[in-house]
N, C-alpha and C. Protein backbone atom coordinates (compact mmCIF):
# COMPACT_ATOMS: atom_id res chain seq x y z
N UNK A 1 289.77 80.71 -105.51
CA UNK A 1 288.69 80.14 -104.72
C UNK A 1 288.42 81.03 -103.52
N UNK A 2 287.16 81.19 -103.25
CA UNK A 2 286.78 82.02 -102.11
C UNK A 2 286.01 81.20 -101.09
N UNK A 3 286.40 81.29 -99.84
CA UNK A 3 285.69 80.63 -98.75
C UNK A 3 285.83 79.12 -98.75
N UNK A 4 285.36 78.52 -97.70
CA UNK A 4 285.43 77.07 -97.57
C UNK A 4 284.04 76.46 -97.41
N UNK A 5 283.03 77.15 -97.86
CA UNK A 5 281.64 76.68 -97.82
C UNK A 5 281.18 76.36 -96.41
N UNK A 6 281.63 77.15 -95.46
CA UNK A 6 281.17 76.98 -94.09
C UNK A 6 279.80 77.64 -93.95
N UNK A 7 278.87 76.99 -93.29
CA UNK A 7 277.55 77.62 -93.12
C UNK A 7 277.62 78.79 -92.14
N UNK A 8 276.83 79.79 -92.41
CA UNK A 8 276.78 80.94 -91.52
C UNK A 8 276.07 80.54 -90.23
N UNK A 9 276.45 81.17 -89.13
CA UNK A 9 275.82 80.84 -87.86
C UNK A 9 274.41 81.40 -87.77
N UNK A 10 274.19 82.59 -88.29
CA UNK A 10 272.87 83.21 -88.25
C UNK A 10 272.55 83.78 -89.63
N UNK A 11 271.47 83.32 -90.21
CA UNK A 11 271.07 83.83 -91.51
C UNK A 11 270.30 85.14 -91.35
N UNK A 12 270.18 85.87 -92.42
CA UNK A 12 269.44 87.13 -92.38
C UNK A 12 267.97 86.87 -92.05
N UNK A 13 267.43 85.78 -92.55
CA UNK A 13 266.03 85.44 -92.28
C UNK A 13 265.82 85.18 -90.78
N UNK A 14 266.74 84.45 -90.18
CA UNK A 14 266.65 84.14 -88.75
C UNK A 14 266.78 85.40 -87.91
N UNK A 15 267.70 86.28 -88.26
CA UNK A 15 267.88 87.52 -87.52
C UNK A 15 266.65 88.42 -87.66
N UNK A 16 266.06 88.47 -88.85
CA UNK A 16 264.85 89.27 -89.06
C UNK A 16 263.68 88.71 -88.25
N UNK A 17 263.58 87.38 -88.16
CA UNK A 17 262.51 86.76 -87.38
C UNK A 17 262.68 87.07 -85.89
N UNK A 18 263.92 87.04 -85.40
CA UNK A 18 264.18 87.37 -84.00
C UNK A 18 263.83 88.83 -83.71
N UNK A 19 264.18 89.72 -84.61
CA UNK A 19 263.88 91.14 -84.45
C UNK A 19 262.37 91.36 -84.42
N UNK A 20 261.66 90.69 -85.32
CA UNK A 20 260.20 90.82 -85.38
C UNK A 20 259.56 90.29 -84.10
N UNK A 21 260.04 89.16 -83.61
CA UNK A 21 259.48 88.57 -82.38
C UNK A 21 259.75 89.46 -81.17
N UNK A 22 260.88 90.16 -81.17
CA UNK A 22 261.24 90.99 -80.02
C UNK A 22 260.52 92.33 -80.03
N UNK A 23 260.14 92.84 -81.19
CA UNK A 23 259.60 94.20 -81.24
C UNK A 23 258.12 94.27 -81.61
N UNK A 24 257.45 93.15 -81.81
CA UNK A 24 256.04 93.17 -82.17
C UNK A 24 255.20 92.71 -80.99
N UNK A 25 254.16 93.47 -80.68
CA UNK A 25 253.25 93.11 -79.59
C UNK A 25 252.35 91.98 -80.06
N UNK A 26 252.45 90.83 -79.43
CA UNK A 26 251.63 89.68 -79.80
C UNK A 26 250.39 89.56 -78.93
N UNK A 27 250.19 90.48 -78.01
CA UNK A 27 248.99 90.47 -77.20
C UNK A 27 249.05 89.57 -75.99
N UNK A 28 250.24 89.19 -75.53
CA UNK A 28 250.37 88.33 -74.37
C UNK A 28 250.65 89.12 -73.11
N UNK A 29 250.59 88.46 -71.97
CA UNK A 29 250.92 89.08 -70.70
C UNK A 29 249.93 90.15 -70.27
N UNK A 30 250.38 91.07 -69.44
CA UNK A 30 249.50 92.13 -68.95
C UNK A 30 249.09 93.07 -70.08
N UNK A 31 249.97 93.26 -71.05
CA UNK A 31 249.67 94.18 -72.14
C UNK A 31 248.48 93.71 -72.97
N UNK A 32 248.32 92.40 -73.12
CA UNK A 32 247.25 91.87 -73.95
C UNK A 32 246.04 91.39 -73.17
N UNK A 33 246.01 91.64 -71.87
CA UNK A 33 244.90 91.17 -71.05
C UNK A 33 243.57 91.77 -71.49
N UNK A 34 243.55 93.06 -71.75
CA UNK A 34 242.30 93.69 -72.18
C UNK A 34 241.87 93.18 -73.54
N UNK A 35 242.84 92.86 -74.39
CA UNK A 35 242.50 92.33 -75.71
C UNK A 35 241.90 90.94 -75.60
N UNK A 36 242.46 90.12 -74.75
CA UNK A 36 241.96 88.75 -74.61
C UNK A 36 240.63 88.71 -73.89
N UNK A 37 240.41 89.66 -73.00
CA UNK A 37 239.20 89.64 -72.20
C UNK A 37 237.98 90.16 -72.95
N UNK A 38 238.18 90.90 -74.03
CA UNK A 38 237.06 91.44 -74.78
C UNK A 38 236.36 92.55 -74.05
N UNK A 39 237.07 93.26 -73.23
CA UNK A 39 236.47 94.32 -72.42
C UNK A 39 236.14 95.53 -73.29
N UNK A 40 235.85 96.65 -72.64
CA UNK A 40 235.46 97.85 -73.37
C UNK A 40 236.56 98.40 -74.24
N UNK A 41 237.78 97.89 -74.10
CA UNK A 41 238.87 98.36 -74.94
C UNK A 41 238.89 97.67 -76.30
N UNK A 42 237.95 96.77 -76.55
CA UNK A 42 237.81 96.20 -77.89
C UNK A 42 238.73 95.03 -78.16
N UNK A 43 238.67 94.00 -77.36
CA UNK A 43 239.52 92.85 -77.56
C UNK A 43 238.99 91.90 -78.61
N UNK A 44 239.75 90.87 -78.89
CA UNK A 44 239.36 89.88 -79.89
C UNK A 44 238.33 88.90 -79.36
N UNK A 45 238.28 88.69 -78.06
CA UNK A 45 237.30 87.78 -77.50
C UNK A 45 235.94 88.47 -77.61
N UNK A 46 235.19 88.05 -78.60
CA UNK A 46 233.98 88.78 -78.97
C UNK A 46 232.74 88.34 -78.21
N UNK A 47 232.61 87.05 -77.93
CA UNK A 47 231.39 86.51 -77.35
C UNK A 47 231.59 86.11 -75.90
N UNK A 48 230.53 86.24 -75.10
CA UNK A 48 230.59 85.88 -73.68
C UNK A 48 229.52 84.83 -73.38
N UNK A 49 229.92 83.81 -72.65
CA UNK A 49 228.98 82.76 -72.25
C UNK A 49 228.02 83.34 -71.22
N UNK A 50 226.70 83.17 -71.42
CA UNK A 50 225.74 83.72 -70.46
C UNK A 50 225.74 82.99 -69.13
N UNK A 51 226.30 81.79 -69.07
CA UNK A 51 226.28 80.99 -67.85
C UNK A 51 227.49 81.23 -66.96
N UNK A 52 228.69 81.21 -67.55
CA UNK A 52 229.90 81.32 -66.73
C UNK A 52 230.74 82.56 -67.04
N UNK A 53 230.29 83.37 -67.99
CA UNK A 53 230.93 84.64 -68.35
C UNK A 53 232.32 84.50 -68.96
N UNK A 54 232.68 83.32 -69.47
CA UNK A 54 233.96 83.17 -70.16
C UNK A 54 233.83 83.77 -71.56
N UNK A 55 234.92 84.32 -72.10
CA UNK A 55 234.86 84.95 -73.41
C UNK A 55 235.57 84.08 -74.45
N UNK A 56 235.02 84.06 -75.65
CA UNK A 56 235.58 83.30 -76.77
C UNK A 56 235.47 84.16 -78.03
N UNK A 57 236.28 83.86 -79.07
CA UNK A 57 236.29 84.71 -80.26
C UNK A 57 235.14 84.47 -81.25
N UNK A 58 234.59 83.25 -81.33
CA UNK A 58 233.56 83.00 -82.33
C UNK A 58 232.52 82.00 -81.84
N UNK A 59 231.46 81.80 -82.64
CA UNK A 59 230.33 80.96 -82.25
C UNK A 59 230.75 79.49 -82.16
N UNK A 60 231.60 79.04 -83.06
CA UNK A 60 232.04 77.65 -83.04
C UNK A 60 232.79 77.33 -81.75
N UNK A 61 233.67 78.23 -81.32
CA UNK A 61 234.38 78.05 -80.05
C UNK A 61 233.41 78.08 -78.88
N UNK A 62 232.39 78.91 -78.97
CA UNK A 62 231.39 78.97 -77.90
C UNK A 62 230.61 77.66 -77.83
N UNK A 63 230.31 77.08 -78.98
CA UNK A 63 229.59 75.81 -79.01
C UNK A 63 230.44 74.69 -78.40
N UNK A 64 231.72 74.67 -78.73
CA UNK A 64 232.64 73.67 -78.16
C UNK A 64 232.73 73.85 -76.65
N UNK A 65 232.87 75.11 -76.19
CA UNK A 65 232.92 75.40 -74.76
C UNK A 65 231.64 74.94 -74.07
N UNK A 66 230.51 75.24 -74.68
CA UNK A 66 229.21 74.92 -74.08
C UNK A 66 229.02 73.41 -73.96
N UNK A 67 229.41 72.67 -74.99
CA UNK A 67 229.26 71.20 -74.95
C UNK A 67 230.17 70.55 -73.91
N UNK A 68 231.32 71.16 -73.66
CA UNK A 68 232.24 70.56 -72.68
C UNK A 68 231.96 71.02 -71.25
N UNK A 69 231.56 72.27 -71.05
CA UNK A 69 231.38 72.80 -69.70
C UNK A 69 229.94 72.79 -69.20
N UNK A 70 228.98 72.84 -70.12
CA UNK A 70 227.57 72.87 -69.73
C UNK A 70 226.77 71.82 -70.53
N UNK A 71 227.11 70.54 -70.39
CA UNK A 71 226.48 69.53 -71.26
C UNK A 71 224.99 69.29 -70.98
N UNK A 72 224.52 69.60 -69.79
CA UNK A 72 223.12 69.33 -69.45
C UNK A 72 222.17 70.42 -69.94
N UNK A 73 222.70 71.57 -70.29
CA UNK A 73 221.88 72.69 -70.74
C UNK A 73 221.97 72.77 -72.27
N UNK A 74 220.84 72.85 -72.97
CA UNK A 74 220.90 72.92 -74.44
C UNK A 74 221.54 74.23 -74.91
N UNK A 75 222.29 74.14 -76.01
CA UNK A 75 223.00 75.29 -76.56
C UNK A 75 222.02 76.17 -77.34
N UNK A 76 221.98 77.46 -77.01
CA UNK A 76 221.11 78.40 -77.68
C UNK A 76 221.94 79.61 -78.12
N UNK A 77 222.08 79.77 -79.44
CA UNK A 77 222.91 80.85 -79.98
C UNK A 77 222.36 82.24 -79.65
N UNK A 78 221.07 82.36 -79.45
CA UNK A 78 220.48 83.67 -79.22
C UNK A 78 220.81 84.25 -77.85
N UNK A 79 221.22 83.41 -76.90
CA UNK A 79 221.53 83.88 -75.55
C UNK A 79 222.98 84.35 -75.39
N UNK A 80 223.79 84.13 -76.41
CA UNK A 80 225.20 84.52 -76.34
C UNK A 80 225.31 86.05 -76.35
N UNK A 81 226.16 86.59 -75.48
CA UNK A 81 226.34 88.04 -75.37
C UNK A 81 227.47 88.47 -76.30
N UNK A 82 227.17 89.40 -77.20
CA UNK A 82 228.19 89.94 -78.11
C UNK A 82 228.79 91.19 -77.45
N UNK A 83 230.06 91.10 -77.07
CA UNK A 83 230.72 92.20 -76.36
C UNK A 83 231.07 93.37 -77.25
N UNK A 84 231.13 93.16 -78.55
CA UNK A 84 231.54 94.23 -79.46
C UNK A 84 230.38 95.11 -79.91
N UNK A 85 229.15 94.73 -79.64
CA UNK A 85 228.02 95.55 -80.07
C UNK A 85 227.92 96.85 -79.30
N UNK A 86 228.22 96.81 -78.02
CA UNK A 86 228.06 98.01 -77.20
C UNK A 86 229.31 98.87 -77.13
N UNK A 87 230.41 98.42 -77.75
CA UNK A 87 231.67 99.13 -77.66
C UNK A 87 231.86 100.02 -78.89
N UNK A 88 232.08 101.33 -78.72
CA UNK A 88 232.33 102.19 -79.87
C UNK A 88 233.70 101.90 -80.48
N UNK A 89 233.81 102.07 -81.77
CA UNK A 89 235.07 101.83 -82.49
C UNK A 89 236.08 102.91 -82.12
N UNK A 90 237.32 102.50 -81.85
CA UNK A 90 238.37 103.46 -81.51
C UNK A 90 239.48 103.39 -82.53
N UNK A 91 240.34 104.37 -82.52
CA UNK A 91 241.47 104.39 -83.45
C UNK A 91 242.76 104.00 -82.73
N UNK A 92 242.65 103.29 -81.62
CA UNK A 92 243.83 102.88 -80.88
C UNK A 92 244.55 101.76 -81.63
N UNK A 93 245.81 101.56 -81.31
CA UNK A 93 246.60 100.52 -81.96
C UNK A 93 246.06 99.14 -81.62
N UNK A 94 246.02 98.27 -82.59
CA UNK A 94 245.54 96.92 -82.42
C UNK A 94 246.73 95.99 -82.12
N UNK A 95 246.50 94.80 -81.56
CA UNK A 95 247.60 93.86 -81.36
C UNK A 95 248.22 93.48 -82.70
N UNK A 96 249.49 93.25 -82.69
CA UNK A 96 250.20 92.90 -83.92
C UNK A 96 250.94 94.09 -84.50
N UNK A 97 250.79 95.27 -83.92
CA UNK A 97 251.53 96.44 -84.36
C UNK A 97 252.81 96.53 -83.55
N UNK A 98 253.73 97.34 -83.97
CA UNK A 98 255.00 97.47 -83.27
C UNK A 98 254.75 97.93 -81.84
N UNK A 99 255.25 97.13 -80.90
CA UNK A 99 255.01 97.43 -79.51
C UNK A 99 256.21 98.00 -78.80
N UNK A 100 257.36 98.04 -79.46
CA UNK A 100 258.55 98.48 -78.79
C UNK A 100 259.47 99.16 -79.80
N UNK A 101 260.29 100.05 -79.33
CA UNK A 101 261.22 100.73 -80.22
C UNK A 101 262.62 100.14 -80.16
N UNK A 102 262.86 99.19 -79.24
CA UNK A 102 264.20 98.62 -79.14
C UNK A 102 264.49 97.77 -80.36
N UNK A 103 265.72 97.80 -80.81
CA UNK A 103 266.09 97.05 -82.00
C UNK A 103 267.31 96.21 -81.71
């Protein structure tokens, strides 16, 4: 007989998940500020509200924002500013790629 069927303290799956969480850039903090803001560096926040300049990723989120923050003004999709139209495509690393070499 081998072993006493004791459970392992850390499984390989758990250790791999911890390694991935520690070494992958998720776009948070100062490092992901430009990505969240949708600035000229090409972030995910694609659309900008013409009234309060807040950025959101899609039209549905913009509609939800508009109904909650600007209820007295009718929602008009044509006035939404698309931040990605004026930004040239770059070959820089996108969020979700390896952000650190520590293992």
